[in-house]
PDB file of N, CA and C in Angstrom:
ATOM      1  N   MET A   1     103.236 273.006 -96.379  1.00  0.00           N
ATOM      2  CA  MET A   1     101.922 272.379 -96.392  1.00  0.00           C
ATOM      3  C   MET A   1     101.073 273.008 -97.500  1.00  0.00           C
ATOM      4  N   THR A   2     100.466 272.191 -98.317  1.00  0.00           N
ATOM      5  CA  THR A   2      99.614 272.663 -99.390  1.00  0.00           C
ATOM      6  C   THR A   2      98.237 272.989 -98.844  1.00  0.00           C
ATOM      7  N   LYS A   3      97.751 274.172 -99.171  1.00  0.00           N
ATOM      8  CA  LYS A   3      96.420 274.567 -98.735  1.00  0.00           C
ATOM      9  C   LYS A   3      95.391 274.170 -99.786  1.00  0.00           C
ATOM     10  N   LEU A   4      94.214 273.823 -99.297  1.00  0.00           N
ATOM     11  CA  LEU A   4      93.123 273.490-100.207  1.00  0.00           C
ATOM     12  C   LEU A   4      92.452 274.771-100.679  1.00  0.00           C
ATOM     13  N   SER A   5      91.711 274.676-101.759  1.00  0.00           N
ATOM     14  CA  SER A   5      91.008 275.844-102.271  1.00  0.00           C
ATOM     15  C   SER A   5      89.862 276.238-101.346  1.00  0.00           C
ATOM     16  N   LYS A   6      89.395 277.474-101.478  1.00  0.00           N
ATOM     17  CA  LYS A   6      88.329 278.009-100.629  1.00  0.00           C
ATOM     18  C   LYS A   6      87.041 277.195-100.715  1.00  0.00           C
ATOM     19  N   ASN A   7      86.794 276.585-101.866  1.00  0.00           N
ATOM     20  CA  ASN A   7      85.545 275.834-102.016  1.00  0.00           C
ATOM     21  C   ASN A   7      85.527 274.550-101.184  1.00  0.00           C
ATOM     22  N   ARG A   8      86.630 274.207-100.569  1.00  0.00           N
ATOM     23  CA  ARG A   8      86.700 273.041 -99.670  1.00  0.00           C
ATOM     24  C   ARG A   8      86.504 273.434 -98.206  1.00  0.00           C
ATOM     25  N   PHE A   9      86.338 274.726 -97.939  1.00  0.00           N
ATOM     26  CA  PHE A   9      86.248 275.211 -96.566  1.00  0.00           C
ATOM     27  C   PHE A   9      85.163 274.482 -95.772  1.00  0.00           C
ATOM     28  N   HIS A  10      83.962 274.411 -96.315  1.00  0.00           N
ATOM     29  CA  HIS A  10      82.837 273.820 -95.589  1.00  0.00           C
ATOM     30  C   HIS A  10      83.081 272.346 -95.268  1.00  0.00           C
ATOM     31  N   LEU A  11      83.653 271.617 -96.208  1.00  0.00           N
ATOM     32  CA  LEU A  11      83.951 270.203 -95.979  1.00  0.00           C
ATOM     33  C   LEU A  11      85.006 270.042 -94.886  1.00  0.00           C
ATOM     34  N   VAL A  12      86.094 270.795 -94.978  1.00  0.00           N
ATOM     35  CA  VAL A  12      87.160 270.693 -93.980  1.00  0.00           C
ATOM     36  C   VAL A  12      86.657 271.141 -92.615  1.00  0.00           C
ATOM     37  N   PHE A  13      85.874 272.221 -92.585  1.00  0.00           N
ATOM     38  CA  PHE A  13      85.279 272.674 -91.331  1.00  0.00           C
ATOM     39  C   PHE A  13      84.435 271.570 -90.709  1.00  0.00           C
ATOM     40  N   SER A  14      83.602 270.932 -91.492  1.00  0.00           N
ATOM     41  CA  SER A  14      82.731 269.867 -90.988  1.00  0.00           C
ATOM     42  C   SER A  14      83.535 268.701 -90.434  1.00  0.00           C
ATOM     43  N   LEU A  15      84.594 268.316 -91.127  1.00  0.00           N
ATOM     44  CA  LEU A  15      85.439 267.213 -90.667  1.00  0.00           C
ATOM     45  C   LEU A  15      86.141 267.556 -89.347  1.00  0.00           C
ATOM     46  N   LEU A  16      86.688 268.763 -89.252  1.00  0.00           N
ATOM     47  CA  LEU A  16      87.402 269.170 -88.035  1.00  0.00           C
ATOM     48  C   LEU A  16      86.461 269.442 -86.875  1.00  0.00           C
ATOM     49  N   MET A  17      85.394 270.179 -87.123  1.00  0.00           N
ATOM     50  CA  MET A  17      84.434 270.473 -86.053  1.00  0.00           C
ATOM     51  C   MET A  17      83.812 269.175 -85.548  1.00  0.00           C
ATOM     52  N   GLY A  18      83.493 268.290 -86.465  1.00  0.00           N
ATOM     53  CA  GLY A  18      82.946 266.998 -86.079  1.00  0.00           C
ATOM     54  C   GLY A  18      83.908 266.227 -85.201  1.00  0.00           C
ATOM     55  N   ALA A  19      85.168 266.177 -85.597  1.00  0.00           N
ATOM     56  CA  ALA A  19      86.157 265.432 -84.813  1.00  0.00           C
ATOM     57  C   ALA A  19      86.292 266.004 -83.411  1.00  0.00           C
ATOM     58  N   MET A  20      86.408 267.320 -83.303  1.00  0.00           N
ATOM     59  CA  MET A  20      86.609 267.935 -81.980  1.00  0.00           C
ATOM     60  C   MET A  20      85.389 267.765 -81.077  1.00  0.00           C
ATOM     61  N   MET A  21      84.235 268.077 -81.598  1.00  0.00           N
ATOM     62  CA  MET A  21      83.026 268.009 -80.782  1.00  0.00           C
ATOM     63  C   MET A  21      82.675 266.566 -80.415  1.00  0.00           C
ATOM     64  N   ILE A  22      82.735 265.690 -81.369  1.00  0.00           N
ATOM     65  CA  ILE A  22      82.374 264.297 -81.134  1.00  0.00           C
ATOM     66  C   ILE A  22      83.389 263.620 -80.210  1.00  0.00           C
ATOM     67  N   PHE A  23      84.657 263.975 -80.314  1.00  0.00           N
ATOM     68  CA  PHE A  23      85.689 263.439 -79.436  1.00  0.00           C
ATOM     69  C   PHE A  23      85.347 263.725 -77.975  1.00  0.00           C
ATOM     70  N   VAL A  24      85.026 264.969 -77.689  1.00  0.00           N
ATOM     71  CA  VAL A  24      84.705 265.372 -76.310  1.00  0.00           C
ATOM     72  C   VAL A  24      83.375 264.764 -75.854  1.00  0.00           C
ATOM     73  N   MET A  25      82.369 264.864 -76.696  1.00  0.00           N
ATOM     74  CA  MET A  25      81.041 264.388 -76.290  1.00  0.00           C
ATOM     75  C   MET A  25      81.003 262.876 -76.076  1.00  0.00           C
ATOM     76  N   THR A  26      81.636 262.108 -76.942  1.00  0.00           N
ATOM     77  CA  THR A  26      81.621 260.663 -76.736  1.00  0.00           C
ATOM     78  C   THR A  26      82.423 260.267 -75.506  1.00  0.00           C
ATOM     79  N   PHE A  27      83.496 261.018 -75.210  1.00  0.00           N
ATOM     80  CA  PHE A  27      84.252 260.759 -73.979  1.00  0.00           C
ATOM     81  C   PHE A  27      83.349 260.950 -72.758  1.00  0.00           C
ATOM     82  N   VAL A  28      82.670 262.078 -72.702  1.00  0.00           N
ATOM     83  CA  VAL A  28      81.814 262.395 -71.551  1.00  0.00           C
ATOM     84  C   VAL A  28      80.674 261.391 -71.420  1.00  0.00           C
ATOM     85  N   ILE A  29      79.991 261.120 -72.496  1.00  0.00           N
ATOM     86  CA  ILE A  29      78.841 260.211 -72.435  1.00  0.00           C
ATOM     87  C   ILE A  29      79.287 258.789 -72.112  1.00  0.00           C
ATOM     88  N   THR A  30      80.393 258.339 -72.683  1.00  0.00           N
ATOM     89  CA  THR A  30      80.906 257.003 -72.353  1.00  0.00           C
ATOM     90  C   THR A  30      81.292 256.938 -70.884  1.00  0.00           C
ATOM     91  N   LEU A  31      81.949 257.966 -70.389  1.00  0.00           N
ATOM     92  CA  LEU A  31      82.344 258.025 -68.983  1.00  0.00           C
ATOM     93  C   LEU A  31      81.123 257.975 -68.065  1.00  0.00           C
ATOM     94  N   ILE A  32      80.097 258.736 -68.394  1.00  0.00           N
ATOM     95  CA  ILE A  32      78.870 258.738 -67.588  1.00  0.00           C
ATOM     96  C   ILE A  32      78.194 257.371 -67.620  1.00  0.00           C
ATOM     97  N   ASN A  33      78.148 256.765 -68.789  1.00  0.00           N
ATOM     98  CA  ASN A  33      77.409 255.503 -68.941  1.00  0.00           C
ATOM     99  C   ASN A  33      78.124 254.286 -68.369  1.00  0.00           C
ATOM    100  N   VAL A  34      79.450 254.213 -68.482  1.00  0.00           N
ATOM    101  CA  VAL A  34      80.136 252.982 -68.073  1.00  0.00           C
ATOM    102  C   VAL A  34      81.198 253.188 -67.007  1.00  0.00           C
ATOM    103  N   GLY A  35      81.469 254.454 -66.616  1.00  0.00           N
ATOM    104  CA  GLY A  35      82.546 254.692 -65.660  1.00  0.00           C
ATOM    105  C   GLY A  35      83.880 254.507 -66.363  1.00  0.00           C
ATOM    106  N   VAL A  36      84.855 253.959 -65.641  1.00  0.00           N
ATOM    107  CA  VAL A  36      86.181 253.749 -66.220  1.00  0.00           C
ATOM    108  C   VAL A  36      86.579 252.271 -66.096  1.00  0.00           C
ATOM    109  N   PRO A  37      85.922 251.394 -66.859  1.00  0.00           N
ATOM    110  CA  PRO A  37      86.317 249.986 -66.837  1.00  0.00           C
ATOM    111  C   PRO A  37      87.620 249.785 -67.614  1.00  0.00           C
ATOM    112  N   ALA A  38      88.145 248.596 -67.563  1.00  0.00           N
ATOM    113  CA  ALA A  38      89.407 248.282 -68.248  1.00  0.00           C
ATOM    114  C   ALA A  38      89.322 248.519 -69.759  1.00  0.00           C
ATOM    115  N   ASP A  39      88.159 248.333 -70.331  1.00  0.00           N
ATOM    116  CA  ASP A  39      88.009 248.506 -71.782  1.00  0.00           C
ATOM    117  C   ASP A  39      87.422 249.869 -72.162  1.00  0.00           C
ATOM    118  N   PHE A  40      87.606 250.865 -71.299  1.00  0.00           N
ATOM    119  CA  PHE A  40      87.036 252.200 -71.535  1.00  0.00           C
ATOM    120  C   PHE A  40      87.473 252.783 -72.883  1.00  0.00           C
ATOM    121  N   ILE A  41      88.759 252.744 -73.182  1.00  0.00           N
ATOM    122  CA  ILE A  41      89.267 253.339 -74.428  1.00  0.00           C
ATOM    123  C   ILE A  41      88.615 252.675 -75.642  1.00  0.00           C
ATOM    124  N   GLY A  42      88.494 251.368 -75.628  1.00  0.00           N
ATOM    125  CA  GLY A  42      87.856 250.661 -76.740  1.00  0.00           C
ATOM    126  C   GLY A  42      86.401 251.054 -76.907  1.00  0.00           C
ATOM    127  N   ARG A  43      85.689 251.137 -75.798  1.00  0.00           N
ATOM    128  CA  ARG A  43      84.280 251.551 -75.859  1.00  0.00           C
ATOM    129  C   ARG A  43      84.155 252.979 -76.374  1.00  0.00           C
ATOM    130  N   TRP A  44      85.024 253.852 -75.859  1.00  0.00           N
ATOM    131  CA  TRP A  44      84.992 255.252 -76.271  1.00  0.00           C
ATOM    132  C   TRP A  44      85.296 255.393 -77.764  1.00  0.00           C
ATOM    133  N   MET A  45      86.317 254.694 -78.237  1.00  0.00           N
ATOM    134  CA  MET A  45      86.685 254.796 -79.646  1.00  0.00           C
ATOM    135  C   MET A  45      85.593 254.238 -80.554  1.00  0.00           C
ATOM    136  N   ARG A  46      84.936 253.176 -80.111  1.00  0.00           N
ATOM    137  CA  ARG A  46      83.811 252.635 -80.889  1.00  0.00           C
ATOM    138  C   ARG A  46      82.702 253.671 -80.982  1.00  0.00           C
ATOM    139  N   ALA A  47      82.368 254.273 -79.838  1.00  0.00           N
ATOM    140  CA  ALA A  47      81.338 255.321 -79.819  1.00  0.00           C
ATOM    141  C   ALA A  47      81.755 256.502 -80.691  1.00  0.00           C
ATOM    142  N   PHE A  48      83.039 256.867 -80.623  1.00  0.00           N
ATOM    143  CA  PHE A  48      83.536 257.987 -81.427  1.00  0.00           C
ATOM    144  C   PHE A  48      83.383 257.698 -82.921  1.00  0.00           C
ATOM    145  N   LEU A  49      83.799 256.516 -83.350  1.00  0.00           N
ATOM    146  CA  LEU A  49      83.732 256.192 -84.772  1.00  0.00           C
ATOM    147  C   LEU A  49      82.302 256.183 -85.297  1.00  0.00           C
ATOM    148  N   ILE A  50      81.395 255.610 -84.519  1.00  0.00           N
ATOM    149  CA  ILE A  50      79.984 255.587 -84.932  1.00  0.00           C
ATOM    150  C   ILE A  50      79.439 257.009 -84.988  1.00  0.00           C
ATOM    151  N   ALA A  51      79.693 257.794 -83.945  1.00  0.00           N
ATOM    152  CA  ALA A  51      79.183 259.163 -83.893  1.00  0.00           C
ATOM    153  C   ALA A  51      79.807 260.033 -84.986  1.00  0.00           C
ATOM    154  N   TYR A  52      81.073 259.805 -85.313  1.00  0.00           N
ATOM    155  CA  TYR A  52      81.737 260.603 -86.349  1.00  0.00           C
ATOM    156  C   TYR A  52      81.103 260.352 -87.712  1.00  0.00           C
ATOM    157  N   VAL A  53      80.828 259.094 -87.995  1.00  0.00           N
ATOM    158  CA  VAL A  53      80.212 258.743 -89.281  1.00  0.00           C
ATOM    159  C   VAL A  53      78.820 259.368 -89.404  1.00  0.00           C
ATOM    160  N   VAL A  54      78.106 259.467 -88.302  1.00  0.00           N
ATOM    161  CA  VAL A  54      76.779 260.088 -88.320  1.00  0.00           C
ATOM    162  C   VAL A  54      76.889 261.610 -88.211  1.00  0.00           C
ATOM    163  N   GLY A  55      77.746 262.099 -87.328  1.00  0.00           N
ATOM    164  CA  GLY A  55      77.801 263.520 -87.000  1.00  0.00           C
ATOM    165  C   GLY A  55      78.352 264.421 -88.079  1.00  0.00           C
ATOM    166  N   VAL A  56      79.387 263.988 -88.784  1.00  0.00           N
ATOM    167  CA  VAL A  56      79.985 264.854 -89.802  1.00  0.00           C
ATOM    168  C   VAL A  56      79.000 265.180 -90.931  1.00  0.00           C
ATOM    169  N   PRO A  57      78.282 264.217 -91.464  1.00  0.00           N
ATOM    170  CA  PRO A  57      77.282 264.593 -92.473  1.00  0.00           C
ATOM    171  C   PRO A  57      76.196 265.518 -91.920  1.00  0.00           C
ATOM    172  N   VAL A  58      75.814 265.306 -90.676  1.00  0.00           N
ATOM    173  CA  VAL A  58      74.820 266.199 -90.063  1.00  0.00           C
ATOM    174  C   VAL A  58      75.366 267.621 -90.011  1.00  0.00           C
ATOM    175  N   ILE A  59      76.602 267.781 -89.543  1.00  0.00           N
ATOM    176  CA  ILE A  59      77.222 269.105 -89.510  1.00  0.00           C
ATOM    177  C   ILE A  59      77.313 269.686 -90.918  1.00  0.00           C
ATOM    178  N   TYR A  60      77.756 268.880 -91.859  1.00  0.00           N
ATOM    179  CA  TYR A  60      77.936 269.351 -93.230  1.00  0.00           C
ATOM    180  C   TYR A  60      76.637 269.898 -93.815  1.00  0.00           C
ATOM    181  N   PHE A  61      75.541 269.176 -93.606  1.00  0.00           N
ATOM    182  CA  PHE A  61      74.280 269.591 -94.212  1.00  0.00           C
ATOM    183  C   PHE A  61      73.500 270.613 -93.391  1.00  0.00           C
ATOM    184  N   LEU A  62      73.651 270.610 -92.079  1.00  0.00           N
ATOM    185  CA  LEU A  62      72.868 271.534 -91.252  1.00  0.00           C
ATOM    186  C   LEU A  62      73.583 272.831 -90.897  1.00  0.00           C
ATOM    187  N   ALA A  63      74.896 272.890 -91.009  1.00  0.00           N
ATOM    188  CA  ALA A  63      75.624 274.112 -90.653  1.00  0.00           C
ATOM    189  C   ALA A  63      75.171 275.328 -91.463  1.00  0.00           C
ATOM    190  N   PRO A  64      74.952 275.208 -92.767  1.00  0.00           N
ATOM    191  CA  PRO A  64      74.479 276.394 -93.508  1.00  0.00           C
ATOM    192  C   PRO A  64      73.126 276.900 -92.998  1.00  0.00           C
ATOM    193  N   THR A  65      72.242 275.990 -92.665  1.00  0.00           N
ATOM    194  CA  THR A  65      70.946 276.384 -92.119  1.00  0.00           C
ATOM    195  C   THR A  65      71.121 277.046 -90.763  1.00  0.00           C
ATOM    196  N   ALA A  66      71.976 276.482 -89.926  1.00  0.00           N
ATOM    197  CA  ALA A  66      72.233 277.072 -88.607  1.00  0.00           C
ATOM    198  C   ALA A  66      72.835 278.468 -88.738  1.00  0.00           C
ATOM    199  N   ARG A  67      73.730 278.660 -89.709  1.00  0.00           N
ATOM    200  CA  ARG A  67      74.319 279.990 -89.931  1.00  0.00           C
ATOM    201  C   ARG A  67      73.255 280.996 -90.343  1.00  0.00           C
ATOM    202  N   LYS A  68      72.359 280.603 -91.243  1.00  0.00           N
ATOM    203  CA  LYS A  68      71.289 281.504 -91.689  1.00  0.00           C
ATOM    204  C   LYS A  68      70.349 281.847 -90.535  1.00  0.00           C
ATOM    205  N   MET A  69      69.987 280.847 -89.743  1.00  0.00           N
ATOM    206  CA  MET A  69      69.103 281.100 -88.601  1.00  0.00           C
ATOM    207  C   MET A  69      69.774 282.018 -87.591  1.00  0.00           C
ATOM    208  N   THR A  70      71.053 281.793 -87.344  1.00  0.00           N
ATOM    209  CA  THR A  70      71.802 282.633 -86.402  1.00  0.00           C
ATOM    210  C   THR A  70      71.871 284.066 -86.904  1.00  0.00           C
ATOM    211  N   ALA A  71      72.121 284.240 -88.196  1.00  0.00           N
ATOM    212  CA  ALA A  71      72.179 285.579 -88.768  1.00  0.00           C
ATOM    213  C   ALA A  71      70.863 286.324 -88.586  1.00  0.00           C
ATOM    214  N   LYS A  72      69.753 285.623 -88.721  1.00  0.00           N
ATOM    215  CA  LYS A  72      68.445 286.267 -88.520  1.00  0.00           C
ATOM    216  C   LYS A  72      68.221 286.620 -87.053  1.00  0.00           C
ATOM    217  N   ILE A  73      68.638 285.744 -86.154  1.00  0.00           N
ATOM    218  CA  ILE A  73      68.435 285.979 -84.729  1.00  0.00           C
ATOM    219  C   ILE A  73      69.260 287.162 -84.245  1.00  0.00           C
ATOM    220  N   VAL A  74      70.488 287.267 -84.719  1.00  0.00           N
ATOM    221  CA  VAL A  74      71.354 288.359 -84.263  1.00  0.00           C
ATOM    222  C   VAL A  74      71.349 289.548 -85.232  1.00  0.00           C
ATOM    223  N   HIS A  75      70.402 289.558 -86.153  1.00  0.00           N
ATOM    224  CA  HIS A  75      70.183 290.671 -87.068  1.00  0.00           C
ATOM    225  C   HIS A  75      71.402 291.001 -87.918  1.00  0.00           C
ATOM    226  N   MET A  76      71.994 289.977 -88.496  1.00  0.00           N
ATOM    227  CA  MET A  76      73.098 290.188 -89.437  1.00  0.00           C
ATOM    228  C   MET A  76      72.531 290.070 -90.849  1.00  0.00           C
ATOM    229  N   PRO A  77      73.149 290.728 -91.795  1.00  0.00           N
ATOM    230  CA  PRO A  77      72.655 290.636 -93.184  1.00  0.00           C
ATOM    231  C   PRO A  77      72.851 289.257 -93.779  1.00  0.00           C
TER     232      PRO A  77
END
């Protein structure tokens, strides 16, 4: 497997973190909102795709700010 360069870390992190978090969250919220109807998977996947398109850019742009804020809160340099 070919590894990407270090300068791609933030992009790959955003794509993976977005997929994992959004996968779980859309499952839970879809389940709460509609129960388990026959078309549950379709509804969930639609919600996932919409949330992924919105969520990954949010993670990409806000993660550096969140890291800086966290470093200040926990007194890291």
